[in-house]
PDB file of N, CA and C in Angstrom:
ATOM      1  N   MET A   1     -66.401 -72.971 -44.394  1.00  0.00           N
ATOM      2  CA  MET A   1     -66.446 -71.526 -44.370  1.00  0.00           C
ATOM      3  C   MET A   1     -65.014 -70.977 -44.378  1.00  0.00           C
ATOM      4  N   THR A   2     -64.753 -70.010 -45.206  1.00  0.00           N
ATOM      5  CA  THR A   2     -63.431 -69.403 -45.317  1.00  0.00           C
ATOM      6  C   THR A   2     -63.414 -68.083 -44.556  1.00  0.00           C
ATOM      7  N   ARG A   3     -62.370 -67.886 -43.795  1.00  0.00           N
ATOM      8  CA  ARG A   3     -62.224 -66.623 -43.061  1.00  0.00           C
ATOM      9  C   ARG A   3     -61.200 -65.757 -43.779  1.00  0.00           C
ATOM     10  N   GLY A   4     -61.509 -64.481 -43.872  1.00  0.00           N
ATOM     11  CA  GLY A   4     -60.588 -63.533 -44.488  1.00  0.00           C
ATOM     12  C   GLY A   4     -59.557 -63.047 -43.479  1.00  0.00           C
ATOM     13  N   ILE A   5     -58.654 -62.257 -43.959  1.00  0.00           N
ATOM     14  CA  ILE A   5     -57.602 -61.707 -43.112  1.00  0.00           C
ATOM     15  C   ILE A   5     -58.169 -60.688 -42.143  1.00  0.00           C
ATOM     16  N   GLY A   6     -59.226 -60.035 -42.500  1.00  0.00           N
ATOM     17  CA  GLY A   6     -59.787 -58.998 -41.633  1.00  0.00           C
ATOM     18  C   GLY A   6     -59.174 -57.657 -41.984  1.00  0.00           C
ATOM     19  N   ASP A   7     -58.579 -57.018 -41.011  1.00  0.00           N
ATOM     20  CA  ASP A   7     -57.986 -55.700 -41.203  1.00  0.00           C
ATOM     21  C   ASP A   7     -56.563 -55.861 -41.748  1.00  0.00           C
ATOM     22  N   PHE A   8     -56.440 -55.830 -43.080  1.00  0.00           N
ATOM     23  CA  PHE A   8     -55.144 -56.042 -43.716  1.00  0.00           C
ATOM     24  C   PHE A   8     -54.144 -54.949 -43.341  1.00  0.00           C
ATOM     25  N   ALA A   9     -54.608 -53.714 -43.221  1.00  0.00           N
ATOM     26  CA  ALA A   9     -53.709 -52.602 -42.871  1.00  0.00           C
ATOM     27  C   ALA A   9     -53.093 -52.818 -41.490  1.00  0.00           C
ATOM     28  N   ALA A  10     -53.875 -53.301 -40.550  1.00  0.00           N
ATOM     29  CA  ALA A  10     -53.354 -53.565 -39.202  1.00  0.00           C
ATOM     30  C   ALA A  10     -52.340 -54.704 -39.235  1.00  0.00           C
ATOM     31  N   LEU A  11     -52.633 -55.741 -40.015  1.00  0.00           N
ATOM     32  CA  LEU A  11     -51.704 -56.859 -40.149  1.00  0.00           C
ATOM     33  C   LEU A  11     -50.378 -56.401 -40.764  1.00  0.00           C
ATOM     34  N   GLU A  12     -50.463 -55.581 -41.805  1.00  0.00           N
ATOM     35  CA  GLU A  12     -49.265 -55.052 -42.456  1.00  0.00           C
ATOM     36  C   GLU A  12     -48.459 -54.169 -41.498  1.00  0.00           C
ATOM     37  N   ARG A  13     -49.139 -53.338 -40.728  1.00  0.00           N
ATOM     38  CA  ARG A  13     -48.483 -52.462 -39.750  1.00  0.00           C
ATOM     39  C   ARG A  13     -47.767 -53.282 -38.670  1.00  0.00           C
ATOM     40  N   ASP A  14     -48.420 -54.336 -38.183  1.00  0.00           N
ATOM     41  CA  ASP A  14     -47.812 -55.198 -37.168  1.00  0.00           C
ATOM     42  C   ASP A  14     -46.605 -55.948 -37.725  1.00  0.00           C
ATOM     43  N   LEU A  15     -46.702 -56.407 -38.960  1.00  0.00           N
ATOM     44  CA  LEU A  15     -45.587 -57.109 -39.594  1.00  0.00           C
ATOM     45  C   LEU A  15     -44.392 -56.168 -39.766  1.00  0.00           C
ATOM     46  N   LEU A  16     -44.636 -54.950 -40.214  1.00  0.00           N
ATOM     47  CA  LEU A  16     -43.563 -53.974 -40.377  1.00  0.00           C
ATOM     48  C   LEU A  16     -42.906 -53.666 -39.037  1.00  0.00           C
ATOM     49  N   ALA A  17     -43.692 -53.491 -37.995  1.00  0.00           N
ATOM     50  CA  ALA A  17     -43.142 -53.223 -36.660  1.00  0.00           C
ATOM     51  C   ALA A  17     -42.266 -54.384 -36.184  1.00  0.00           C
ATOM     52  N   ALA A  18     -42.710 -55.606 -36.428  1.00  0.00           N
ATOM     53  CA  ALA A  18     -41.923 -56.778 -36.022  1.00  0.00           C
ATOM     54  C   ALA A  18     -40.621 -56.862 -36.812  1.00  0.00           C
ATOM     55  N   LEU A  19     -40.686 -56.601 -38.121  1.00  0.00           N
ATOM     56  CA  LEU A  19     -39.474 -56.623 -38.954  1.00  0.00           C
ATOM     57  C   LEU A  19     -38.472 -55.569 -38.497  1.00  0.00           C
ATOM     58  N   LYS A  20     -38.964 -54.376 -38.201  1.00  0.00           N
ATOM     59  CA  LYS A  20     -38.073 -53.300 -37.761  1.00  0.00           C
ATOM     60  C   LYS A  20     -37.444 -53.635 -36.412  1.00  0.00           C
ATOM     61  N   HIS A  21     -38.216 -54.161 -35.488  1.00  0.00           N
ATOM     62  CA  HIS A  21     -37.691 -54.491 -34.158  1.00  0.00           C
ATOM     63  C   HIS A  21     -36.660 -55.615 -34.239  1.00  0.00           C
ATOM     64  N   ASP A  22     -37.044 -56.728 -34.868  1.00  0.00           N
ATOM     65  CA  ASP A  22     -36.126 -57.864 -34.963  1.00  0.00           C
ATOM     66  C   ASP A  22     -34.911 -57.532 -35.820  1.00  0.00           C
ATOM     67  N   GLY A  23     -35.131 -56.790 -36.904  1.00  0.00           N
ATOM     68  CA  GLY A  23     -34.017 -56.401 -37.772  1.00  0.00           C
ATOM     69  C   GLY A  23     -33.027 -55.491 -37.063  1.00  0.00           C
ATOM     70  N   ALA A  24     -33.534 -54.567 -36.250  1.00  0.00           N
ATOM     71  CA  ALA A  24     -32.646 -53.666 -35.502  1.00  0.00           C
ATOM     72  C   ALA A  24     -31.803 -54.453 -34.509  1.00  0.00           C
ATOM     73  N   ARG A  25     -32.409 -55.398 -33.804  1.00  0.00           N
ATOM     74  CA  ARG A  25     -31.646 -56.193 -32.831  1.00  0.00           C
ATOM     75  C   ARG A  25     -30.601 -57.050 -33.540  1.00  0.00           C
ATOM     76  N   TRP A  26     -30.964 -57.625 -34.712  1.00  0.00           N
ATOM     77  CA  TRP A  26     -30.013 -58.438 -35.455  1.00  0.00           C
ATOM     78  C   TRP A  26     -28.845 -57.583 -35.950  1.00  0.00           C
ATOM     79  N   LEU A  27     -29.144 -56.398 -36.463  1.00  0.00           N
ATOM     80  CA  LEU A  27     -28.098 -55.499 -36.945  1.00  0.00           C
ATOM     81  C   LEU A  27     -27.185 -55.059 -35.801  1.00  0.00           C
ATOM     82  N   GLU A  28     -27.750 -54.788 -34.630  1.00  0.00           N
ATOM     83  CA  GLU A  28     -26.933 -54.457 -33.455  1.00  0.00           C
ATOM     84  C   GLU A  28     -25.984 -55.596 -33.113  1.00  0.00           C
ATOM     85  N   GLN A  29     -26.502 -56.820 -33.104  1.00  0.00           N
ATOM     86  CA  GLN A  29     -25.655 -57.970 -32.782  1.00  0.00           C
ATOM     87  C   GLN A  29     -24.524 -58.098 -33.782  1.00  0.00           C
ATOM     88  N   LEU A  30     -24.829 -57.903 -35.055  1.00  0.00           N
ATOM     89  CA  LEU A  30     -23.806 -57.995 -36.097  1.00  0.00           C
ATOM     90  C   LEU A  30     -22.739 -56.916 -35.913  1.00  0.00           C
ATOM     91  N   LEU A  31     -23.162 -55.671 -35.740  1.00  0.00           N
ATOM     92  CA  LEU A  31     -22.214 -54.566 -35.623  1.00  0.00           C
ATOM     93  C   LEU A  31     -21.385 -54.625 -34.344  1.00  0.00           C
ATOM     94  N   ASN A  32     -21.926 -55.219 -33.293  1.00  0.00           N
ATOM     95  CA  ASN A  32     -21.210 -55.308 -32.028  1.00  0.00           C
ATOM     96  C   ASN A  32     -20.494 -56.638 -31.835  1.00  0.00           C
ATOM     97  N   ASP A  33     -20.449 -57.445 -32.875  1.00  0.00           N
ATOM     98  CA  ASP A  33     -19.784 -58.753 -32.799  1.00  0.00           C
ATOM     99  C   ASP A  33     -18.278 -58.554 -32.648  1.00  0.00           C
ATOM    100  N   PRO A  34     -17.679 -59.135 -31.603  1.00  0.00           N
ATOM    101  CA  PRO A  34     -16.230 -58.978 -31.414  1.00  0.00           C
ATOM    102  C   PRO A  34     -15.408 -59.562 -32.563  1.00  0.00           C
ATOM    103  N   ALA A  35     -15.987 -60.480 -33.334  1.00  0.00           N
ATOM    104  CA  ALA A  35     -15.267 -61.075 -34.460  1.00  0.00           C
ATOM    105  C   ALA A  35     -15.248 -60.166 -35.688  1.00  0.00           C
ATOM    106  N   LEU A  36     -16.028 -59.093 -35.679  1.00  0.00           N
ATOM    107  CA  LEU A  36     -16.050 -58.158 -36.799  1.00  0.00           C
ATOM    108  C   LEU A  36     -14.714 -57.415 -36.851  1.00  0.00           C
ATOM    109  N   PRO A  37     -13.998 -57.486 -37.961  1.00  0.00           N
ATOM    110  CA  PRO A  37     -12.657 -56.879 -38.023  1.00  0.00           C
ATOM    111  C   PRO A  37     -12.684 -55.370 -37.784  1.00  0.00           C
ATOM    112  N   GLY A  38     -11.718 -54.899 -37.010  1.00  0.00           N
ATOM    113  CA  GLY A  38     -11.508 -53.476 -36.814  1.00  0.00           C
ATOM    114  C   GLY A  38     -12.505 -52.774 -35.921  1.00  0.00           C
ATOM    115  N   GLN A  39     -13.335 -53.508 -35.223  1.00  0.00           N
ATOM    116  CA  GLN A  39     -14.363 -52.862 -34.440  1.00  0.00           C
ATOM    117  C   GLN A  39     -14.015 -52.680 -32.966  1.00  0.00           C
ATOM    118  N   HIS A  40     -12.952 -53.284 -32.514  1.00  0.00           N
ATOM    119  CA  HIS A  40     -12.598 -53.192 -31.101  1.00  0.00           C
ATOM    120  C   HIS A  40     -11.134 -52.801 -30.926  1.00  0.00           C
ATOM    121  N   PRO A  41     -10.798 -51.575 -31.338  1.00  0.00           N
ATOM    122  CA  PRO A  41      -9.418 -51.129 -31.213  1.00  0.00           C
ATOM    123  C   PRO A  41      -9.056 -50.891 -29.746  1.00  0.00           C
ATOM    124  N   GLN A  42      -7.778 -50.844 -29.479  1.00  0.00           N
ATOM    125  CA  GLN A  42      -7.320 -50.521 -28.136  1.00  0.00           C
ATOM    126  C   GLN A  42      -7.710 -49.085 -27.822  1.00  0.00           C
ATOM    127  N   GLY A  43      -8.380 -48.915 -26.709  1.00  0.00           N
ATOM    128  CA  GLY A  43      -8.815 -47.586 -26.321  1.00  0.00           C
ATOM    129  C   GLY A  43      -7.762 -46.882 -25.490  1.00  0.00           C
ATOM    130  N   LEU A  44      -8.069 -45.662 -25.093  1.00  0.00           N
ATOM    131  CA  LEU A  44      -7.194 -44.916 -24.208  1.00  0.00           C
ATOM    132  C   LEU A  44      -7.215 -45.554 -22.830  1.00  0.00           C
ATOM    133  N   VAL A  45      -6.188 -45.309 -22.043  1.00  0.00           N
ATOM    134  CA  VAL A  45      -6.067 -45.918 -20.730  1.00  0.00           C
ATOM    135  C   VAL A  45      -7.254 -45.564 -19.838  1.00  0.00           C
ATOM    136  N   ASP A  46      -7.721 -44.336 -19.896  1.00  0.00           N
ATOM    137  CA  ASP A  46      -8.786 -43.914 -18.981  1.00  0.00           C
ATOM    138  C   ASP A  46     -10.194 -43.993 -19.577  1.00  0.00           C
ATOM    139  N   GLU A  47     -10.362 -44.653 -20.720  1.00  0.00           N
ATOM    140  CA  GLU A  47     -11.701 -44.771 -21.299  1.00  0.00           C
ATOM    141  C   GLU A  47     -12.591 -45.646 -20.419  1.00  0.00           C
ATOM    142  N   GLU A  48     -13.805 -45.176 -20.222  1.00  0.00           N
ATOM    143  CA  GLU A  48     -14.774 -45.891 -19.420  1.00  0.00           C
ATOM    144  C   GLU A  48     -15.951 -46.295 -20.293  1.00  0.00           C
ATOM    145  N   ASP A  49     -16.502 -47.448 -20.001  1.00  0.00           N
ATOM    146  CA  ASP A  49     -17.680 -47.911 -20.727  1.00  0.00           C
ATOM    147  C   ASP A  49     -18.897 -47.165 -20.200  1.00  0.00           C
ATOM    148  N   TYR A  50     -19.529 -46.377 -21.055  1.00  0.00           N
ATOM    149  CA  TYR A  50     -20.720 -45.625 -20.665  1.00  0.00           C
ATOM    150  C   TYR A  50     -21.990 -46.327 -21.117  1.00  0.00           C
ATOM    151  N   GLY A  51     -21.887 -47.583 -21.508  1.00  0.00           N
ATOM    152  CA  GLY A  51     -23.062 -48.348 -21.912  1.00  0.00           C
ATOM    153  C   GLY A  51     -23.546 -47.976 -23.301  1.00  0.00           C
ATOM    154  N   PRO A  52     -24.597 -48.637 -23.737  1.00  0.00           N
ATOM    155  CA  PRO A  52     -25.102 -48.375 -25.085  1.00  0.00           C
ATOM    156  C   PRO A  52     -25.807 -47.032 -25.204  1.00  0.00           C
ATOM    157  N   ARG A  53     -25.616 -46.381 -26.328  1.00  0.00           N
ATOM    158  CA  ARG A  53     -26.266 -45.111 -26.629  1.00  0.00           C
ATOM    159  C   ARG A  53     -27.059 -45.273 -27.923  1.00  0.00           C
ATOM    160  N   PRO A  54     -28.179 -44.575 -28.054  1.00  0.00           N
ATOM    161  CA  PRO A  54     -29.024 -44.745 -29.245  1.00  0.00           C
ATOM    162  C   PRO A  54     -28.464 -44.053 -30.481  1.00  0.00           C
ATOM    163  N   LYS A  55     -28.766 -44.624 -31.625  1.00  0.00           N
ATOM    164  CA  LYS A  55     -28.412 -44.052 -32.934  1.00  0.00           C
ATOM    165  C   LYS A  55     -29.604 -44.274 -33.851  1.00  0.00           C
ATOM    166  N   ALA A  56     -30.220 -43.213 -34.324  1.00  0.00           N
ATOM    167  CA  ALA A  56     -31.349 -43.316 -35.252  1.00  0.00           C
ATOM    168  C   ALA A  56     -30.811 -43.554 -36.656  1.00  0.00           C
ATOM    169  N   VAL A  57     -31.390 -44.523 -37.343  1.00  0.00           N
ATOM    170  CA  VAL A  57     -30.932 -44.924 -38.667  1.00  0.00           C
ATOM    171  C   VAL A  57     -32.145 -45.065 -39.580  1.00  0.00           C
ATOM    172  N   LEU A  58     -32.063 -44.482 -40.763  1.00  0.00           N
ATOM    173  CA  LEU A  58     -33.151 -44.592 -41.732  1.00  0.00           C
ATOM    174  C   LEU A  58     -32.853 -45.726 -42.704  1.00  0.00           C
ATOM    175  N   LEU A  59     -33.728 -46.713 -42.726  1.00  0.00           N
ATOM    176  CA  LEU A  59     -33.616 -47.851 -43.639  1.00  0.00           C
ATOM    177  C   LEU A  59     -34.796 -47.840 -44.601  1.00  0.00           C
ATOM    178  N   THR A  60     -34.820 -48.770 -45.519  1.00  0.00           N
ATOM    179  CA  THR A  60     -35.921 -48.894 -46.451  1.00  0.00           C
ATOM    180  C   THR A  60     -37.250 -49.087 -45.716  1.00  0.00           C
ATOM    181  N   LEU A  61     -37.212 -49.785 -44.589  1.00  0.00           N
ATOM    182  CA  LEU A  61     -38.431 -50.045 -43.811  1.00  0.00           C
ATOM    183  C   LEU A  61     -38.850 -48.862 -42.952  1.00  0.00           C
ATOM    184  N   GLY A  62     -38.013 -47.841 -42.865  1.00  0.00           N
ATOM    185  CA  GLY A  62     -38.299 -46.677 -42.026  1.00  0.00           C
ATOM    186  C   GLY A  62     -37.215 -46.482 -40.990  1.00  0.00           C
ATOM    187  N   TRP A  63     -37.479 -45.615 -40.028  1.00  0.00           N
ATOM    188  CA  TRP A  63     -36.499 -45.309 -38.985  1.00  0.00           C
ATOM    189  C   TRP A  63     -36.438 -46.430 -37.959  1.00  0.00           C
ATOM    190  N   ILE A  64     -35.216 -46.768 -37.543  1.00  0.00           N
ATOM    191  CA  ILE A  64     -35.013 -47.694 -36.438  1.00  0.00           C
ATOM    192  C   ILE A  64     -34.004 -47.049 -35.486  1.00  0.00           C
ATOM    193  N   ILE A  65     -33.996 -47.511 -34.266  1.00  0.00           N
ATOM    194  CA  ILE A  65     -33.035 -47.038 -33.274  1.00  0.00           C
ATOM    195  C   ILE A  65     -32.104 -48.191 -32.930  1.00  0.00           C
ATOM    196  N   LEU A  66     -30.820 -47.988 -33.158  1.00  0.00           N
ATOM    197  CA  LEU A  66     -29.809 -48.979 -32.793  1.00  0.00           C
ATOM    198  C   LEU A  66     -29.081 -48.514 -31.536  1.00  0.00           C
ATOM    199  N   ARG A  67     -28.678 -49.458 -30.724  1.00  0.00           N
ATOM    200  CA  ARG A  67     -27.865 -49.136 -29.550  1.00  0.00           C
ATOM    201  C   ARG A  67     -26.424 -49.507 -29.870  1.00  0.00           C
ATOM    202  N   ARG A  68     -25.516 -48.585 -29.589  1.00  0.00           N
ATOM    203  CA  ARG A  68     -24.103 -48.843 -29.858  1.00  0.00           C
ATOM    204  C   ARG A  68     -23.295 -48.538 -28.614  1.00  0.00           C
ATOM    205  N   PRO A  69     -22.240 -49.304 -28.369  1.00  0.00           N
ATOM    206  CA  PRO A  69     -21.414 -49.086 -27.181  1.00  0.00           C
ATOM    207  C   PRO A  69     -20.727 -47.729 -27.219  1.00  0.00           C
ATOM    208  N   CYS A  70     -20.634 -47.103 -26.068  1.00  0.00           N
ATOM    209  CA  CYS A  70     -19.994 -45.791 -25.951  1.00  0.00           C
ATOM    210  C   CYS A  70     -18.857 -45.870 -24.943  1.00  0.00           C
ATOM    211  N   LEU A  71     -17.700 -45.389 -25.342  1.00  0.00           N
ATOM    212  CA  LEU A  71     -16.559 -45.270 -24.437  1.00  0.00           C
ATOM    213  C   LEU A  71     -16.273 -43.789 -24.258  1.00  0.00           C
ATOM    214  N   TYR A  72     -16.073 -43.375 -23.015  1.00  0.00           N
ATOM    215  CA  TYR A  72     -15.826 -41.967 -22.741  1.00  0.00           C
ATOM    216  C   TYR A  72     -14.463 -41.810 -22.092  1.00  0.00           C
ATOM    217  N   ALA A  73     -13.679 -40.871 -22.594  1.00  0.00           N
ATOM    218  CA  ALA A  73     -12.355 -40.567 -22.049  1.00  0.00           C
ATOM    219  C   ALA A  73     -12.400 -39.186 -21.413  1.00  0.00           C
ATOM    220  N   PRO A  74     -12.448 -39.109 -20.080  1.00  0.00           N
ATOM    221  CA  PRO A  74     -12.501 -37.804 -19.411  1.00  0.00           C
ATOM    222  C   PRO A  74     -11.296 -36.914 -19.730  1.00  0.00           C
ATOM    223  N   SER A  75     -10.111 -37.512 -19.863  1.00  0.00           N
ATOM    224  CA  SER A  75      -8.915 -36.705 -20.137  1.00  0.00           C
ATOM    225  C   SER A  75      -8.982 -36.033 -21.508  1.00  0.00           C
ATOM    226  N   ALA A  76      -9.577 -36.705 -22.463  1.00  0.00           N
ATOM    227  CA  ALA A  76      -9.703 -36.142 -23.807  1.00  0.00           C
ATOM    228  C   ALA A  76     -11.017 -35.374 -23.966  1.00  0.00           C
ATOM    229  N   GLY A  77     -11.951 -35.585 -23.047  1.00  0.00           N
ATOM    230  CA  GLY A  77     -13.243 -34.912 -23.134  1.00  0.00           C
ATOM    231  C   GLY A  77     -14.054 -35.330 -24.339  1.00  0.00           C
ATOM    232  N   ARG A  78     -13.953 -36.604 -24.704  1.00  0.00           N
ATOM    233  CA  ARG A  78     -14.674 -37.070 -25.890  1.00  0.00           C
ATOM    234  C   ARG A  78     -15.250 -38.465 -25.666  1.00  0.00           C
ATOM    235  N   ALA A  79     -16.297 -38.729 -26.422  1.00  0.00           N
ATOM    236  CA  ALA A  79     -16.909 -40.056 -26.431  1.00  0.00           C
ATOM    237  C   ALA A  79     -16.561 -40.730 -27.750  1.00  0.00           C
ATOM    238  N   ALA A  80     -16.351 -42.026 -27.701  1.00  0.00           N
ATOM    239  CA  ALA A  80     -16.054 -42.799 -28.906  1.00  0.00           C
ATOM    240  C   ALA A  80     -17.073 -43.922 -29.032  1.00  0.00           C
ATOM    241  N   PHE A  81     -17.583 -44.100 -30.230  1.00  0.00           N
ATOM    242  CA  PHE A  81     -18.531 -45.177 -30.503  1.00  0.00           C
ATOM    243  C   PHE A  81     -17.815 -46.192 -31.372  1.00  0.00           C
ATOM    244  N   LEU A  82     -17.877 -47.452 -30.979  1.00  0.00           N
ATOM    245  CA  LEU A  82     -17.048 -48.471 -31.602  1.00  0.00           C
ATOM    246  C   LEU A  82     -17.293 -48.682 -33.087  1.00  0.00           C
ATOM    247  N   TRP A  83     -18.511 -48.521 -33.572  1.00  0.00           N
ATOM    248  CA  TRP A  83     -18.715 -48.769 -34.994  1.00  0.00           C
ATOM    249  C   TRP A  83     -19.101 -47.539 -35.794  1.00  0.00           C
ATOM    250  N   THR A  84     -18.715 -46.373 -35.324  1.00  0.00           N
ATOM    251  CA  THR A  84     -19.012 -45.142 -36.064  1.00  0.00           C
ATOM    252  C   THR A  84     -18.304 -45.125 -37.425  1.00  0.00           C
ATOM    253  N   ALA A  85     -17.032 -45.521 -37.463  1.00  0.00           N
ATOM    254  CA  ALA A  85     -16.287 -45.503 -38.730  1.00  0.00           C
ATOM    255  C   ALA A  85     -16.922 -46.443 -39.751  1.00  0.00           C
ATOM    256  N   LEU A  86     -17.343 -47.619 -39.301  1.00  0.00           N
ATOM    257  CA  LEU A  86     -17.989 -48.569 -40.206  1.00  0.00           C
ATOM    258  C   LEU A  86     -19.298 -47.992 -40.717  1.00  0.00           C
ATOM    259  N   TRP A  87     -20.088 -47.387 -39.830  1.00  0.00           N
ATOM    260  CA  TRP A  87     -21.364 -46.820 -40.241  1.00  0.00           C
ATOM    261  C   TRP A  87     -21.180 -45.644 -41.205  1.00  0.00           C
ATOM    262  N   ASP A  88     -20.191 -44.789 -40.941  1.00  0.00           N
ATOM    263  CA  ASP A  88     -19.916 -43.660 -41.831  1.00  0.00           C
ATOM    264  C   ASP A  88     -19.535 -44.149 -43.224  1.00  0.00           C
ATOM    265  N   TRP A  89     -18.731 -45.210 -43.290  1.00  0.00           N
ATOM    266  CA  TRP A  89     -18.351 -45.778 -44.585  1.00  0.00           C
ATOM    267  C   TRP A  89     -19.582 -46.321 -45.296  1.00  0.00           C
ATOM    268  N   TRP A  90     -20.424 -47.052 -44.569  1.00  0.00           N
ATOM    269  CA  TRP A  90     -21.616 -47.662 -45.161  1.00  0.00           C
ATOM    270  C   TRP A  90     -22.547 -46.602 -45.750  1.00  0.00           C
ATOM    271  N   THR A  91     -22.828 -45.561 -44.986  1.00  0.00           N
ATOM    272  CA  THR A  91     -23.752 -44.545 -45.477  1.00  0.00           C
ATOM    273  C   THR A  91     -23.149 -43.741 -46.632  1.00  0.00           C
ATOM    274  N   ALA A  92     -21.844 -43.589 -46.657  1.00  0.00           N
ATOM    275  CA  ALA A  92     -21.194 -42.840 -47.736  1.00  0.00           C
ATOM    276  C   ALA A  92     -21.192 -43.620 -49.050  1.00  0.00           C
ATOM    277  N   THR A  93     -21.260 -44.953 -48.982  1.00  0.00           N
ATOM    278  CA  THR A  93     -21.188 -45.763 -50.195  1.00  0.00           C
ATOM    279  C   THR A  93     -22.558 -46.167 -50.726  1.00  0.00           C
ATOM    280  N   ARG A  94     -23.630 -45.852 -50.027  1.00  0.00           N
ATOM    281  CA  ARG A  94     -24.975 -46.222 -50.466  1.00  0.00           C
ATOM    282  C   ARG A  94     -25.530 -45.154 -51.395  1.00  0.00           C
ATOM    283  N   PRO A  95     -26.230 -45.557 -52.445  1.00  0.00           N
ATOM    284  CA  PRO A  95     -26.853 -44.576 -53.325  1.00  0.00           C
ATOM    285  C   PRO A  95     -27.969 -43.838 -52.580  1.00  0.00           C
ATOM    286  N   ARG A  96     -28.098 -42.560 -52.860  1.00  0.00           N
ATOM    287  CA  ARG A  96     -29.139 -41.746 -52.203  1.00  0.00           C
ATOM    288  C   ARG A  96     -30.197 -41.369 -53.211  1.00  0.00           C
ATOM    289  N   SER A  97     -31.414 -41.294 -52.741  1.00  0.00           N
ATOM    290  CA  SER A  97     -32.495 -40.829 -53.614  1.00  0.00           C
ATOM    291  C   SER A  97     -33.514 -40.093 -52.753  1.00  0.00           C
ATOM    292  N   CYS A  98     -34.181 -39.153 -53.361  1.00  0.00           N
ATOM    293  CA  CYS A  98     -35.234 -38.401 -52.677  1.00  0.00           C
ATOM    294  C   CYS A  98     -36.535 -38.612 -53.420  1.00  0.00           C
ATOM    295  N   ALA A  99     -37.601 -38.781 -52.664  1.00  0.00           N
ATOM    296  CA  ALA A  99     -38.914 -38.932 -53.288  1.00  0.00           C
ATOM    297  C   ALA A  99     -39.244 -37.656 -54.055  1.00  0.00           C
ATOM    298  N   GLY A 100     -39.686 -37.819 -55.269  1.00  0.00           N
ATOM    299  CA  GLY A 100     -40.089 -36.686 -56.067  1.00  0.00           C
ATOM    300  C   GLY A 100     -38.946 -35.932 -56.729  1.00  0.00           C
ATOM    301  N   SER A 101     -37.715 -36.435 -56.589  1.00  0.00           N
ATOM    302  CA  SER A 101     -36.578 -35.728 -57.176  1.00  0.00           C
ATOM    303  C   SER A 101     -36.405 -36.063 -58.653  1.00  0.00           C
ATOM    304  N   GLY A 102     -37.082 -37.142 -59.098  1.00  0.00           N
ATOM    305  CA  GLY A 102     -36.961 -37.520 -60.490  1.00  0.00           C
ATOM    306  C   GLY A 102     -35.712 -38.311 -60.787  1.00  0.00           C
ATOM    307  N   LYS A 103     -34.967 -38.700 -59.767  1.00  0.00           N
ATOM    308  CA  LYS A 103     -33.728 -39.456 -59.986  1.00  0.00           C
ATOM    309  C   LYS A 103     -33.930 -40.908 -59.686  1.00  0.00           C
TER     310      LYS A 103
END
């Protein structure tokens, strides 16, 4: 007797959720790798580690949430994220398309 997959839509939904979760964690590890060039510059003297902060990112698989390290400098009144420059470069160099735009 052969058994079918059953609810294929549920299986596909679960697979997509697993890919997004595991892919987000892998991408976080890659972006936060100390061996990645230019990602860990010398900070200001009074910068404090404020822990990871969320960043929503739209990928082909859909939206994912990445956690990125945050450093806060009270004297400058600003927060710095270690891989913001890399992410800005990446998104600026990727081709953009909109559904239904005909492009």
